Each structure stands twice: as C-alpha cells, then as structure tokens.
Amino acid sequence: MAQTRSYELLYIVRPDLPKAALEEAITKFQKAVHEGGGHVLKIDEWGLRTLAYQIKHLDKGYYVFMEFQGTPDQVRKLEERLKLDEHVLRYQVVRQQ
C-alpha cells in the first residue's frame, strides 16, 4: 500500500462563474480527495485576484487553496480531474516535506 503524504493544491477558477457554480466546483474537488481515501485538512478561498497574465482572455481568477493528505496515485487522479474541468484555469499540486 502506498504511503500517505501531505500536499498543497492551489487552483484558479473562472471569475465569471455564478456563486453556486463556484461552490459546486470547490465541493467537487474536496469530494474527489475524500473518494480516493484522502483527507482534506484545510480549504482557504483567497477570492478574486488579478492574474499576472491573461489566461483564456481573462485577467482575473478566483483562487482556492487546499491542504490534503493522500497517496501519489490519488494525486494523479485528482490532477486528471482538474485538467479536464472546464472551469479551472490553472492548478498546481505540491508535496509538503
């Protein structure tokens, strides 16, 4: 069995989403961690911020930071879901020491 590790995930969601769709997107990725057997430690919504450069003709994005524990296989599956989601502009997963 793979070892559980701590990770940080930062993802940027489209700023033009309605509040309900934004909450649904945040909940979806939280559930994705739980479905894989991981544990969400913290979710911090940083809110709407100006991007350093335009992404898909947008100059703002809604930032969400999540700390969670899981296996490397679970992280790969989560990254695949983030990559395929049309509302996510960018994401980055980093393993904590």
Protein backbone atom coordinates (compact mmCIF):
# COMPACT_ATOMS: atom_id res chain seq x y z
CA MET A 1 0.00 0.00 0.00
CA ALA A 2 1.26 3.46 -0.92
CA GLN A 3 2.30 5.87 1.77
CA THR A 4 0.00 8.79 2.63
CA ARG A 5 1.65 12.17 2.18
CA SER A 6 0.68 15.80 2.70
CA TYR A 7 0.01 18.00 -0.34
CA GLU A 8 -0.96 21.56 -1.14
CA LEU A 9 -3.22 22.36 -4.09
CA LEU A 10 -3.78 25.82 -5.49
CA TYR A 11 -6.23 26.19 -8.34
CA ILE A 12 -7.74 29.15 -10.18
CA VAL A 13 -11.40 29.05 -11.19
CA ARG A 14 -13.04 31.23 -13.84
CA PRO A 15 -14.16 34.56 -12.33
CA ASP A 16 -17.42 34.71 -14.33
CA LEU A 17 -18.99 31.68 -12.61
CA PRO A 18 -22.13 32.23 -10.53
CA LYS A 19 -21.65 31.77 -6.78
CA ALA A 20 -23.50 28.42 -6.80
CA ALA A 21 -21.29 27.02 -9.58
CA LEU A 22 -18.17 28.22 -7.77
CA GLU A 23 -19.21 26.47 -4.55
CA GLU A 24 -20.04 23.34 -6.56
CA ALA A 25 -16.55 23.34 -8.12
CA ILE A 26 -14.88 23.69 -4.70
CA THR A 27 -17.03 20.89 -3.26
CA LYS A 28 -16.33 18.67 -6.27
CA PHE A 29 -12.57 18.69 -5.71
CA GLN A 30 -13.00 18.25 -1.97
CA LYS A 31 -15.15 15.16 -2.64
CA ALA A 32 -12.57 13.89 -5.14
CA VAL A 33 -9.98 13.79 -2.35
CA HIS A 34 -12.39 12.01 0.02
CA GLU A 35 -13.49 9.46 -2.62
CA GLY A 36 -9.88 8.44 -3.12
CA GLY A 37 -9.46 7.82 0.59
CA GLY A 38 -7.62 11.07 1.31
CA HIS A 39 -8.35 13.70 3.94
CA VAL A 40 -8.84 17.42 3.38
CA LEU A 41 -7.07 19.33 6.14
CA LYS A 42 -7.88 22.89 5.13
CA ILE A 43 -9.63 24.86 2.38
CA ASP A 44 -8.86 28.55 2.08
CA GLU A 45 -10.67 30.67 -0.51
CA TRP A 46 -8.38 33.53 -1.44
CA GLY A 47 -11.04 35.13 -3.58
CA LEU A 48 -10.91 37.10 -6.80
CA ARG A 49 -7.42 38.29 -7.76
CA THR A 50 -5.78 39.80 -10.79
CA LEU A 51 -3.73 37.33 -12.82
CA ALA A 52 -0.12 38.05 -13.74
CA TYR A 53 -1.04 37.44 -17.40
CA GLN A 54 -4.24 36.72 -19.30
CA ILE A 55 -5.48 33.13 -19.38
CA LYS A 56 -8.18 32.35 -21.94
CA HIS A 57 -8.74 36.11 -22.40
CA LEU A 58 -9.42 36.59 -18.66
CA ASP A 59 -7.41 38.91 -16.44
CA LYS A 60 -8.90 37.82 -13.10
CA GLY A 61 -9.42 34.47 -11.39
CA TYR A 62 -10.88 33.02 -8.19
CA TYR A 63 -8.09 31.39 -6.16
CA VAL A 64 -8.69 28.36 -3.92
CA PHE A 65 -6.00 26.78 -1.71
CA MET A 66 -6.42 23.28 -0.26
CA GLU A 67 -4.21 21.22 2.05
CA PHE A 68 -4.86 17.49 1.98
CA GLN A 69 -3.36 14.07 2.63
CA GLY A 70 -3.38 11.25 0.10
CA THR A 71 -1.31 8.80 -1.90
CA PRO A 72 0.59 9.69 -5.08
CA ASP A 73 -1.95 7.66 -7.09
CA GLN A 74 -4.81 9.72 -5.65
CA VAL A 75 -2.97 12.91 -6.57
CA ARG A 76 -2.62 11.75 -10.19
CA LYS A 77 -6.37 11.09 -10.35
CA LEU A 78 -7.14 14.49 -8.81
CA GLU A 79 -4.83 16.22 -11.29
CA GLU A 80 -6.62 14.45 -14.15
CA ARG A 81 -9.98 15.78 -12.91
CA LEU A 82 -8.55 19.29 -12.57
CA LYS A 83 -7.08 19.13 -16.07
CA LEU A 84 -10.42 18.10 -17.62
CA ASP A 85 -12.57 20.61 -15.73
CA GLU A 86 -13.57 23.50 -17.99
CA HIS A 87 -13.91 25.94 -15.08
CA VAL A 88 -10.32 25.54 -13.83
CA LEU A 89 -7.87 27.91 -15.49
CA ARG A 90 -4.67 26.69 -13.77
CA TYR A 91 -3.70 24.39 -10.90
CA GLN A 92 -0.61 23.22 -9.08
CA VAL A 93 -0.13 20.39 -6.60
CA VAL A 94 2.95 20.45 -4.36
CA ARG A 95 4.05 17.77 -1.90
CA GLN A 96 4.87 19.10 1.56
CA GLN A 97 8.04 18.00 3.33
